[in-house]
Amino acid sequence: MGLLDSVDWQGNIFKNGAWTAAHGGGDYAVVEPATGAELGRMGQATAQDVAEAAASAAKAQREWAALPHTARAAVLRKAGDLWQQHAEEIIGWNVREVGTVPGMAGFAVHVAAEECYGAAGLPARAIGEILPSEEPRLSMARRMPAGVVAVISPFNVPIILGIRSVAPALALGNAVLLKPDPRTAVTGGTLMARVFEEAGLPPGVLQMLPGGADVGEALITDPNVRVISFTGSTPVGRRIGELAGRHLKRAHLELGGNSALLILDDADVDAAVNLATWGSFFHQGQVCMTAGRHLVADRLYDDFVERLAAKAGALSVGDPAAGEVALGPVIDAGQRDRIHGMVTESVDQGAKLASGGTYEELFYRPTVLADIPLTAPAFAEEVFGPVAPVTRVSSVEEAVELAGATDYGLSLGIVTRDVMRGLAVAEQIPTGIVHINDQTVNDEANAPFGGVGASGTGSRFGGAAANIEAFTETRWITMRGEPAQYPL
């Protein structure tokens, strides 16, 4: 039996261990972007739902954290197994609800399983250290669960961008309130809640509350919520950070990017084009790490543009649930219109449309913009669509200057036959992630992930050290054999 077959999830939210209607009974349609078909109904959570969920989560968290570490690890291992066992069902929903191609959907399920398996090792890790003390006492620092963690995840890669916070937060003894993007709440919320429900997670430890900005604000301001983990756009991240700061909450923000792919003058053009194609057009460019600026050495530039444009023109675009395609639809009409507006404005400012720049319904053609002015929106801003802006550089020094001339600092790719030269170049450009002889879109569960500058608050995801830092608090504890004596 499938994950969704055995529960009444339609039109409901997941609160305190039960699939139940939201306050007021509101729900909305789950829409397939490729066809416009209604796939189901989701409950629409309210601020009242958040208050009730946070209160029950605080109680459930204390009981969950008090369990033996082996019990928490067992739930995470079981969850990893369930992602794999139900991969076909989850991939099917991911393809239809998100509009991704099956290969990407399968990768998301693989990462989800690995995140759970990796998190299963966290409960057994050392949780503190013995400290020297001037006094006759045992002094120690101990890592404690933060308490209730709010995870706010986006539409583009809802499984990966949700599970990478949910799994380690749970493993470390926290409760989680998950608010997936309403557009992809089945893939990013319902299925995730079902996996952990089937894995034996106690009621109330993970709750799923799809909703809009009012639900997000309620999560951030609720007194029972101590940590907010947000993945999404930089403008929204700034507002979340400000609100969290006013309420003295920790906010881990993984935000946008406008990542550069540097093609140095000794690069192999065919290899560079292959990397650029994947880096800009994979998942319709709806990835924060997408290669948003191609900085190409002058002597390779014309050849690179010609080959990249030809490859973009040959890529198939269509419904990924109906047959094999390279690109599926973008998420909705608003996103499509934003992409097209940036492309047309960039062309108006002088960019050459080498390929693409057209669409049918939500299917946007992979687009190459050559000779793009540095001030054009498709070069200066994050497009979040299948657009490859290409500019010519006359030297490595110019490439370094342009790559660093942005508020963002997420990922960086450098293509060169001399890897040490590539590393030396990378050290001059501030980013959270660097790939030498690879494109900018990469993700592994055990690797630290995060950006600098407008791309977020650093590597708060991936790897044991980052996860422990993100989802625990440090407590100082001392113990004496006899009560201390003071002169007053």
Protein backbone atom coordinates (compact mmCIF):
# COMPACT_ATOMS: atom_id res chain seq x y z
CA MET A 1 0.00 0.00 0.00
CA GLY A 2 1.28 3.48 -0.85
CA LEU A 3 2.10 6.19 1.65
CA LEU A 4 -0.97 8.22 0.72
CA ASP A 5 -3.43 5.34 0.33
CA SER A 6 -3.88 4.53 4.01
CA VAL A 7 -4.66 7.98 5.44
CA ASP A 8 -7.22 10.69 4.75
CA TRP A 9 -4.78 13.42 3.77
CA GLN A 10 -6.98 15.13 1.18
CA GLY A 11 -7.94 18.64 2.31
CA ASN A 12 -6.16 18.17 5.65
CA ILE A 13 -3.08 19.26 7.53
CA PHE A 14 -1.00 17.06 9.87
CA LYS A 15 -1.31 18.35 13.43
CA ASN A 16 -0.42 16.59 16.68
CA GLY A 17 -0.31 13.18 15.03
CA ALA A 18 -3.63 13.44 13.17
CA TRP A 19 -4.72 14.28 9.63
CA THR A 20 -7.31 16.93 10.37
CA ALA A 21 -9.03 19.90 8.81
CA ALA A 22 -7.47 23.29 9.39
CA HIS A 23 -9.24 25.88 11.52
CA GLY A 24 -12.07 27.17 9.38
CA GLY A 25 -11.85 24.11 7.13
CA GLY A 26 -10.01 25.93 4.35
CA ASP A 27 -8.36 23.97 1.57
CA TYR A 28 -7.04 24.56 -1.95
CA ALA A 29 -6.26 22.68 -5.15
CA VAL A 30 -2.94 20.96 -5.83
CA VAL A 31 -2.27 21.82 -9.49
CA GLU A 32 -0.01 20.05 -11.98
CA PRO A 33 1.98 22.80 -13.75
CA ALA A 34 2.45 20.78 -16.95
CA THR A 35 -1.28 20.28 -17.58
CA GLY A 36 -3.21 22.49 -15.15
CA ALA A 37 -4.97 19.38 -13.82
CA GLU A 38 -6.04 19.22 -10.17
CA LEU A 39 -4.08 16.46 -8.42
CA GLY A 40 -5.79 16.71 -5.03
CA ARG A 41 -6.67 19.09 -2.22
CA MET A 42 -4.49 20.42 0.61
CA GLY A 43 -5.58 21.86 3.91
CA GLN A 44 -4.84 25.56 4.42
CA ALA A 45 -3.35 26.10 7.88
CA THR A 46 -4.04 29.22 9.93
CA ALA A 47 -2.26 31.11 12.70
CA GLN A 48 -4.51 29.31 15.18
CA ASP A 49 -3.28 25.97 13.84
CA VAL A 50 0.28 27.16 14.37
CA ALA A 51 -0.37 28.10 17.99
CA GLU A 52 -1.95 24.72 18.75
CA ALA A 53 0.72 22.79 16.88
CA ALA A 54 3.56 24.66 18.58
CA ALA A 55 2.12 24.03 22.04
CA SER A 56 1.71 20.30 21.42
CA ALA A 57 5.13 20.12 19.74
CA ALA A 58 6.80 21.63 22.81
CA LYS A 59 5.35 18.88 24.99
CA ALA A 60 6.13 16.13 22.47
CA GLN A 61 9.69 17.41 22.07
CA ARG A 62 10.55 16.90 25.72
CA GLU A 63 9.37 13.31 25.60
CA TRP A 64 11.16 12.66 22.29
CA ALA A 65 14.45 14.12 23.54
CA ALA A 66 14.24 11.98 26.69
CA LEU A 67 14.21 8.74 24.69
CA PRO A 68 17.45 6.72 24.45
CA HIS A 69 19.59 7.90 21.59
CA THR A 70 19.23 4.50 19.97
CA ALA A 71 15.46 4.96 19.73
CA ARG A 72 15.80 8.23 17.87
CA ALA A 73 18.42 6.74 15.57
CA ALA A 74 16.14 3.80 14.76
CA VAL A 75 13.35 6.13 13.61
CA LEU A 76 15.72 7.98 11.30
CA ARG A 77 17.08 4.74 9.83
CA LYS A 78 13.54 3.48 9.24
CA ALA A 79 12.65 6.75 7.54
CA GLY A 80 15.62 6.33 5.20
CA ASP A 81 14.40 2.87 4.29
CA LEU A 82 10.88 4.17 3.63
CA TRP A 83 12.09 6.82 1.20
CA GLN A 84 13.65 4.02 -0.82
CA GLN A 85 10.75 1.59 -0.47
CA HIS A 86 8.22 4.17 -1.68
CA ALA A 87 10.49 5.79 -4.26
CA GLU A 88 8.19 5.10 -7.21
CA GLU A 89 5.19 6.73 -5.55
CA ILE A 90 7.20 9.73 -4.35
CA ILE A 91 8.91 10.22 -7.72
CA GLY A 92 5.53 10.15 -9.45
CA TRP A 93 4.19 12.91 -7.23
CA ASN A 94 7.40 14.92 -7.57
CA VAL A 95 7.27 14.80 -11.37
CA ARG A 96 3.62 15.85 -11.55
CA GLU A 97 3.39 18.37 -8.70
CA VAL A 98 6.78 20.06 -9.12
CA GLY A 99 7.20 19.60 -12.88
CA THR A 100 10.64 18.06 -12.59
CA VAL A 101 12.04 15.33 -14.81
CA PRO A 102 12.16 11.78 -13.35
CA GLY A 103 15.94 11.80 -12.99
CA MET A 104 15.82 14.85 -10.76
CA ALA A 105 12.91 13.38 -8.80
CA GLY A 106 14.87 10.18 -8.26
CA PHE A 107 17.90 12.15 -7.11
CA ALA A 108 15.72 13.98 -4.57
CA VAL A 109 14.50 10.69 -3.11
CA HIS A 110 18.08 9.39 -2.95
CA VAL A 111 19.22 12.51 -1.10
CA ALA A 112 16.26 12.25 1.30
CA ALA A 113 17.23 8.70 2.21
CA GLU A 114 20.88 9.69 2.66
CA GLU A 115 19.91 12.66 4.82
CA CYS A 116 17.99 10.32 7.12
CA TYR A 117 20.79 7.75 7.24
CA GLY A 118 23.32 10.48 7.98
CA ALA A 119 21.10 12.02 10.64
CA ALA A 120 20.70 8.59 12.26
CA GLY A 121 24.34 8.87 13.34
CA LEU A 122 23.83 12.17 15.15
CA PRO A 123 22.14 10.85 18.33
CA ALA A 124 25.19 8.70 19.10
CA ARG A 125 27.73 11.50 18.72
CA ALA A 126 29.40 13.04 21.76
CA ILE A 127 27.16 15.82 23.04
CA GLY A 128 29.70 17.82 25.03
CA GLU A 129 33.15 18.16 26.51
CA ILE A 130 34.85 18.34 29.90
CA LEU A 131 36.25 21.78 30.66
CA PRO A 132 39.09 22.74 32.99
CA SER A 133 37.99 24.75 36.02
CA GLU A 134 39.68 26.89 38.66
CA GLU A 135 37.29 25.49 41.24
CA PRO A 136 37.10 21.97 42.75
CA ARG A 137 34.27 20.89 40.50
CA LEU A 138 33.45 19.01 37.33
CA SER A 139 32.82 21.55 34.57
CA MET A 140 31.36 20.61 31.23
CA ALA A 141 29.69 22.00 28.12
CA ARG A 142 26.72 20.03 26.83
CA ARG A 143 24.76 20.28 23.62
CA MET A 144 21.01 20.39 24.24
CA PRO A 145 18.15 20.25 21.72
CA ALA A 146 17.01 23.73 20.73
CA GLY A 147 13.37 22.73 21.30
CA VAL A 148 10.81 23.37 18.56
CA VAL A 149 12.25 24.11 15.11
CA ALA A 150 10.23 25.73 12.32
CA VAL A 151 11.27 24.59 8.84
CA ILE A 152 10.02 26.71 5.93
CA SER A 153 10.83 25.11 2.57
CA PRO A 154 10.41 26.33 -1.04
CA PHE A 155 8.66 24.97 -4.13
CA ASN A 156 11.62 24.20 -6.38
CA VAL A 157 13.24 21.16 -4.71
CA PRO A 158 10.81 20.57 -1.85
CA ILE A 159 12.05 17.14 -0.75
CA ILE A 160 15.74 17.98 -0.46
CA LEU A 161 15.25 21.50 0.85
CA GLY A 162 12.90 20.24 3.55
CA ILE A 163 14.53 17.00 4.65
CA ARG A 164 18.00 18.50 5.11
CA SER A 165 16.61 20.48 8.08
CA VAL A 166 13.87 18.10 9.22
CA ALA A 167 16.04 14.99 9.56
CA PRO A 168 18.95 16.42 11.62
CA ALA A 169 16.63 18.54 13.76
CA LEU A 170 14.60 15.46 14.69
CA ALA A 171 17.69 13.31 15.24
CA LEU A 172 19.11 15.83 17.69
CA GLY A 173 15.98 15.70 19.84
CA ASN A 174 13.93 18.60 18.51
CA ALA A 175 10.33 18.75 17.38
CA VAL A 176 9.67 20.23 13.93
CA LEU A 177 6.87 22.35 12.49
CA LEU A 178 7.15 22.07 8.71
CA LYS A 179 5.63 24.70 6.41
CA PRO A 180 6.10 23.60 2.81
CA ASP A 181 5.40 25.95 -0.08
CA PRO A 182 1.66 25.62 -0.81
CA ARG A 183 2.39 24.93 -4.50
CA THR A 184 4.31 21.73 -3.70
CA ALA A 185 2.92 20.78 -0.30
CA VAL A 186 2.22 17.12 -1.12
CA THR A 187 5.79 16.41 -2.19
CA GLY A 188 7.37 18.77 0.33
CA GLY A 189 5.05 18.11 3.26
CA THR A 190 2.44 15.36 3.12
CA LEU A 191 4.79 12.65 1.88
CA MET A 192 7.48 13.70 4.34
CA ALA A 193 5.02 13.59 7.23
CA ARG A 194 3.84 10.17 6.10
CA VAL A 195 7.38 8.79 5.93
CA PHE A 196 8.08 9.76 9.54
CA GLU A 197 4.64 8.69 10.70
CA GLU A 198 5.28 5.22 9.26
CA ALA A 199 8.81 5.23 10.69
CA GLY A 200 7.39 5.40 14.22
CA LEU A 201 7.98 9.05 15.11
CA PRO A 202 5.79 9.84 18.15
CA PRO A 203 2.72 12.07 17.57
CA GLY A 204 3.40 15.79 17.68
CA VAL A 205 7.13 15.59 17.03
CA LEU A 206 6.69 16.47 13.34
CA GLN A 207 3.70 18.53 12.21
CA MET A 208 2.93 19.80 8.70
CA LEU A 209 1.24 23.18 8.21
CA PRO A 210 0.98 24.40 4.60
CA GLY A 211 0.03 28.03 4.30
CA GLY A 212 0.96 31.52 3.25
CA ALA A 213 2.88 34.40 4.79
CA ASP A 214 0.52 34.57 7.78
CA VAL A 215 1.44 31.01 8.75
CA GLY A 216 5.14 31.77 8.32
CA GLU A 217 4.87 34.84 10.53
CA ALA A 218 2.97 32.88 13.17
CA LEU A 219 5.72 30.24 13.21
CA ILE A 220 8.45 32.82 13.67
CA THR A 221 6.69 34.74 16.43
CA ASP A 222 5.28 31.81 18.41
CA PRO A 223 7.01 31.66 21.82
CA ASN A 224 7.38 27.86 21.63
CA VAL A 225 9.48 28.05 18.44
CA ARG A 226 13.17 28.62 19.11
CA VAL A 227 14.88 28.13 15.73
CA ILE A 228 13.75 28.96 12.20
CA SER A 229 15.30 27.19 9.21
CA PHE A 230 14.30 28.94 6.00
CA THR A 231 15.21 28.22 2.39
CA GLY A 232 13.95 30.63 -0.23
CA SER A 233 14.47 34.01 -1.84
CA THR A 234 16.74 36.68 -0.43
CA PRO A 235 13.99 39.34 -0.06
CA VAL A 236 11.81 36.97 1.97
CA GLY A 237 14.85 35.80 3.93
CA ARG A 238 15.65 39.36 4.93
CA ARG A 239 12.12 39.83 6.30
CA ILE A 240 12.32 36.53 8.19
CA GLY A 241 15.70 37.46 9.65
CA GLU A 242 14.39 40.83 10.80
CA LEU A 243 11.29 39.33 12.40
CA ALA A 244 13.29 36.55 14.05
CA GLY A 245 15.75 39.10 15.40
CA ARG A 246 12.98 41.13 17.02
CA HIS A 247 11.80 37.98 18.78
CA LEU A 248 15.34 36.86 19.67
CA LYS A 249 15.08 33.69 17.58
CA ARG A 250 17.90 32.04 15.68
CA ALA A 251 17.24 32.05 11.94
CA HIS A 252 19.25 29.89 9.55
CA LEU A 253 18.76 31.38 6.10
CA GLU A 254 19.70 29.65 2.84
CA LEU A 255 18.80 32.21 0.21
CA GLY A 256 19.23 33.06 -3.46
CA GLY A 257 22.25 33.07 -5.69
CA ASN A 258 23.61 34.36 -8.96
CA SER A 259 26.46 31.93 -9.27
CA ALA A 260 29.30 32.40 -11.73
CA LEU A 261 30.77 29.73 -14.02
CA LEU A 262 34.26 30.76 -15.12
CA ILE A 263 35.59 29.28 -18.37
CA LEU A 264 39.32 29.98 -18.29
CA ASP A 265 41.36 30.34 -21.48
CA ASP A 266 42.83 26.82 -21.27
CA ALA A 267 39.45 25.06 -20.90
CA ASP A 268 38.09 22.42 -23.26
CA VAL A 269 35.13 24.09 -24.97
CA ASP A 270 33.01 20.96 -25.38
CA ALA A 271 33.49 20.06 -21.73
CA ALA A 272 32.65 23.63 -20.71
CA VAL A 273 29.48 23.64 -22.81
CA ASN A 274 28.37 20.37 -21.25
CA LEU A 275 28.85 21.82 -17.77
CA ALA A 276 27.17 25.10 -18.69
CA THR A 277 24.13 23.33 -20.14
CA TRP A 278 23.55 21.38 -16.95
CA GLY A 279 24.40 24.31 -14.69
CA SER A 280 21.89 26.68 -16.31
CA PHE A 281 19.09 24.47 -17.62
CA PHE A 282 18.85 21.60 -15.12
CA HIS A 283 15.42 21.62 -13.43
CA GLN A 284 14.44 24.57 -15.63
CA GLY A 285 17.03 26.70 -13.84
CA GLN A 286 14.88 26.65 -10.71
CA VAL A 287 17.81 25.94 -8.38
CA CYS A 288 19.52 28.44 -6.10
CA MET A 289 22.93 27.19 -7.30
CA THR A 290 22.11 27.58 -11.02
CA ALA A 291 24.91 29.04 -13.13
CA GLY A 292 23.52 32.53 -13.60
CA ARG A 293 26.61 34.21 -15.08
CA HIS A 294 28.93 32.57 -17.62
CA LEU A 295 32.27 34.38 -17.70
CA VAL A 296 34.16 33.09 -20.73
CA ALA A 297 37.74 33.80 -21.79
CA ASP A 298 37.90 35.95 -24.92
CA ARG A 299 39.65 33.39 -27.11
CA LEU A 300 36.97 30.74 -26.40
CA TYR A 301 33.96 33.04 -26.30
CA ASP A 302 32.56 32.86 -29.83
CA ASP A 303 32.97 29.09 -30.04
CA PHE A 304 31.42 28.63 -26.59
CA VAL A 305 28.37 30.76 -27.39
CA GLU A 306 27.79 29.04 -30.72
CA ARG A 307 27.96 25.54 -29.24
CA LEU A 308 25.92 26.40 -26.14
CA ALA A 309 23.20 28.00 -28.26
CA ALA A 310 23.08 24.96 -30.55
CA LYS A 311 22.81 22.61 -27.60
CA ALA A 312 20.10 24.72 -25.97
CA GLY A 313 18.13 24.74 -29.21
CA ALA A 314 18.22 20.96 -29.40
CA LEU A 315 16.93 20.32 -25.87
CA SER A 316 13.40 18.95 -25.56
CA VAL A 317 10.86 20.74 -23.36
CA GLY A 318 7.54 19.20 -22.34
CA ASP A 319 5.46 17.29 -19.80
CA PRO A 320 7.89 15.06 -17.85
CA ALA A 321 5.06 12.73 -16.86
CA ALA A 322 4.14 12.07 -20.50
CA GLY A 323 7.53 11.17 -21.94
CA GLU A 324 11.27 11.74 -21.81
CA VAL A 325 12.18 15.43 -21.95
CA ALA A 326 15.17 17.51 -20.88
CA LEU A 327 13.15 20.30 -19.27
CA GLY A 328 9.69 20.36 -17.72
CA PRO A 329 7.49 23.36 -16.93
CA VAL A 330 8.33 26.22 -14.61
CA ILE A 331 6.17 26.26 -11.51
CA ASP A 332 3.49 28.81 -12.46
CA ALA A 333 2.57 31.72 -14.72
CA GLY A 334 3.96 34.29 -12.32
CA GLN A 335 7.40 32.70 -12.43
CA ARG A 336 7.23 32.33 -16.23
CA ASP A 337 6.32 35.97 -16.69
CA ARG A 338 9.12 37.09 -14.39
CA ILE A 339 11.65 35.04 -16.38
CA HIS A 340 10.39 36.34 -19.71
CA GLY A 341 10.35 39.92 -18.48
CA MET A 342 14.00 39.69 -17.45
CA VAL A 343 14.96 38.14 -20.79
CA THR A 344 13.13 40.74 -22.89
CA GLU A 345 14.43 43.65 -20.83
CA SER A 346 17.98 42.31 -21.15
CA VAL A 347 17.58 42.07 -24.94
CA ASP A 348 16.21 45.61 -24.97
CA GLN A 349 19.37 46.70 -23.16
CA GLY A 350 21.62 45.12 -25.80
CA ALA A 351 21.93 41.40 -25.06
CA LYS A 352 21.94 39.09 -28.10
CA LEU A 353 19.31 36.36 -28.05
CA ALA A 354 21.42 33.42 -29.24
CA SER A 355 18.77 30.78 -28.45
CA GLY A 356 15.36 30.47 -26.81
CA GLY A 357 13.51 33.41 -25.33
CA THR A 358 10.10 31.89 -26.12
CA TYR A 359 7.52 29.79 -24.28
CA GLU A 360 4.28 27.87 -24.61
CA GLU A 361 2.08 27.77 -21.52
CA LEU A 362 4.57 27.10 -18.66
CA PHE A 363 7.23 25.52 -20.90
CA TYR A 364 10.05 28.04 -21.28
CA ARG A 365 12.70 27.30 -23.88
CA PRO A 366 16.31 27.09 -22.65
CA THR A 367 17.72 30.52 -23.43
CA VAL A 368 21.22 31.81 -24.18
CA LEU A 369 21.90 35.54 -23.92
CA ALA A 370 25.24 36.57 -25.46
CA ASP A 371 27.09 39.87 -25.13
CA ILE A 372 24.87 40.72 -22.20
CA PRO A 373 25.47 44.09 -20.52
CA LEU A 374 26.57 43.80 -16.92
CA THR A 375 23.63 45.93 -15.82
CA ALA A 376 20.99 43.84 -17.63
CA PRO A 377 18.60 42.13 -15.19
CA ALA A 378 19.32 38.60 -16.45
CA PHE A 379 23.00 39.12 -15.57
CA ALA A 380 22.77 41.31 -12.48
CA GLU A 381 19.89 39.48 -10.75
CA GLU A 382 18.84 35.91 -10.00
CA VAL A 383 16.59 34.74 -12.86
CA PHE A 384 15.48 31.37 -11.41
CA GLY A 385 14.71 30.08 -14.88
CA PRO A 386 16.43 28.29 -17.80
CA VAL A 387 18.56 31.24 -18.90
CA ALA A 388 22.32 31.29 -19.53
CA PRO A 389 23.72 34.85 -19.67
CA VAL A 390 27.21 34.85 -21.23
CA THR A 391 29.80 37.61 -21.12
CA ARG A 392 33.33 37.90 -22.48
CA VAL A 393 36.35 38.43 -20.23
CA SER A 394 39.79 39.46 -21.41
CA SER A 395 41.77 38.14 -18.43
CA VAL A 396 41.57 36.04 -15.30
CA GLU A 397 41.73 39.23 -13.30
CA GLU A 398 38.62 40.54 -15.04
CA ALA A 399 36.84 37.22 -14.47
CA VAL A 400 37.65 37.38 -10.76
CA GLU A 401 36.44 40.97 -10.54
CA LEU A 402 33.13 40.24 -12.29
CA ALA A 403 32.52 37.00 -10.38
CA GLY A 404 32.85 38.86 -7.10
CA ALA A 405 30.84 41.88 -8.21
CA THR A 406 27.57 40.70 -6.70
CA ASP A 407 25.86 40.70 -3.33
CA TYR A 408 25.39 36.93 -3.64
CA GLY A 409 27.96 34.32 -2.65
CA LEU A 410 26.53 30.82 -2.96
CA SER A 411 28.28 28.60 -5.52
CA LEU A 412 31.15 28.95 -7.98
CA GLY A 413 32.35 26.79 -10.86
CA ILE A 414 35.72 27.08 -12.60
CA VAL A 415 36.70 25.18 -15.75
CA THR A 416 40.42 24.85 -16.46
CA ARG A 417 43.02 22.24 -17.37
CA ASP A 418 45.16 23.44 -14.42
CA VAL A 419 43.27 22.59 -11.23
CA MET A 420 45.76 24.41 -8.97
CA ARG A 421 45.25 27.54 -11.04
CA GLY A 422 41.53 27.05 -10.64
CA LEU A 423 41.86 26.78 -6.87
CA ALA A 424 44.00 29.93 -6.75
CA VAL A 425 41.30 31.78 -8.70
CA ALA A 426 38.58 30.45 -6.39
CA GLU A 427 40.37 31.76 -3.32
CA GLN A 428 39.88 35.29 -4.64
CA ILE A 429 36.08 34.98 -4.96
CA PRO A 430 33.94 34.78 -1.78
CA THR A 431 31.38 31.95 -2.00
CA GLY A 432 30.20 29.19 0.29
CA ILE A 433 30.74 26.49 -2.34
CA VAL A 434 33.40 25.99 -5.04
CA HIS A 435 33.64 23.32 -7.75
CA ILE A 436 36.76 23.08 -9.90
CA ASN A 437 36.04 21.50 -13.30
CA ASP A 438 32.37 21.18 -12.50
CA GLN A 439 29.28 23.33 -12.77
CA THR A 440 27.63 25.07 -9.86
CA VAL A 441 24.73 22.72 -9.03
CA ASN A 442 25.86 19.99 -6.65
CA ASP A 443 24.52 18.59 -3.38
CA GLU A 444 25.56 15.79 -1.01
CA ALA A 445 24.01 15.05 2.36
CA ASN A 446 27.33 14.94 4.24
CA ALA A 447 28.79 18.14 2.75
CA PRO A 448 28.39 21.58 4.33
CA PHE A 449 26.02 23.74 2.31
CA GLY A 450 25.34 27.46 2.45
CA GLY A 451 26.32 30.83 1.08
CA VAL A 452 27.72 34.15 2.19
CA GLY A 453 26.49 37.69 1.68
CA ALA A 454 22.97 37.90 0.26
CA SER A 455 22.98 34.12 -0.21
CA GLY A 456 22.42 33.48 3.47
CA THR A 457 23.97 32.99 6.85
CA GLY A 458 26.61 30.40 6.01
CA SER A 459 26.90 26.62 5.99
CA ARG A 460 24.06 25.59 8.30
CA PHE A 461 23.15 22.43 6.41
CA GLY A 462 25.07 19.22 5.75
CA GLY A 463 27.75 17.50 7.77
CA ALA A 464 27.55 16.68 11.44
CA ALA A 465 29.26 19.83 12.69
CA ALA A 466 26.94 22.21 10.79
CA ASN A 467 23.81 20.32 11.80
CA ILE A 468 24.76 20.15 15.47
CA GLU A 469 25.55 23.87 15.47
CA ALA A 470 22.24 24.65 13.75
CA PHE A 471 19.84 22.64 15.88
CA THR A 472 21.27 22.56 19.41
CA GLU A 473 22.08 25.00 22.21
CA THR A 474 25.17 24.88 24.42
CA ARG A 475 24.67 24.57 28.20
CA TRP A 476 27.42 25.01 30.82
CA ILE A 477 27.08 22.53 33.68
CA THR A 478 29.15 22.22 36.87
CA MET A 479 28.98 19.67 39.69
CA ARG A 480 30.58 19.70 43.17
CA GLY A 481 30.74 16.94 45.71
CA GLU A 482 29.87 19.40 48.48
CA PRO A 483 28.04 22.75 48.37
CA ALA A 484 30.31 25.71 47.65
CA GLN A 485 31.12 28.16 50.49
CA TYR A 486 31.08 31.92 49.83
CA PRO A 487 32.23 34.76 52.11
CA LEU A 488 28.92 36.64 52.15
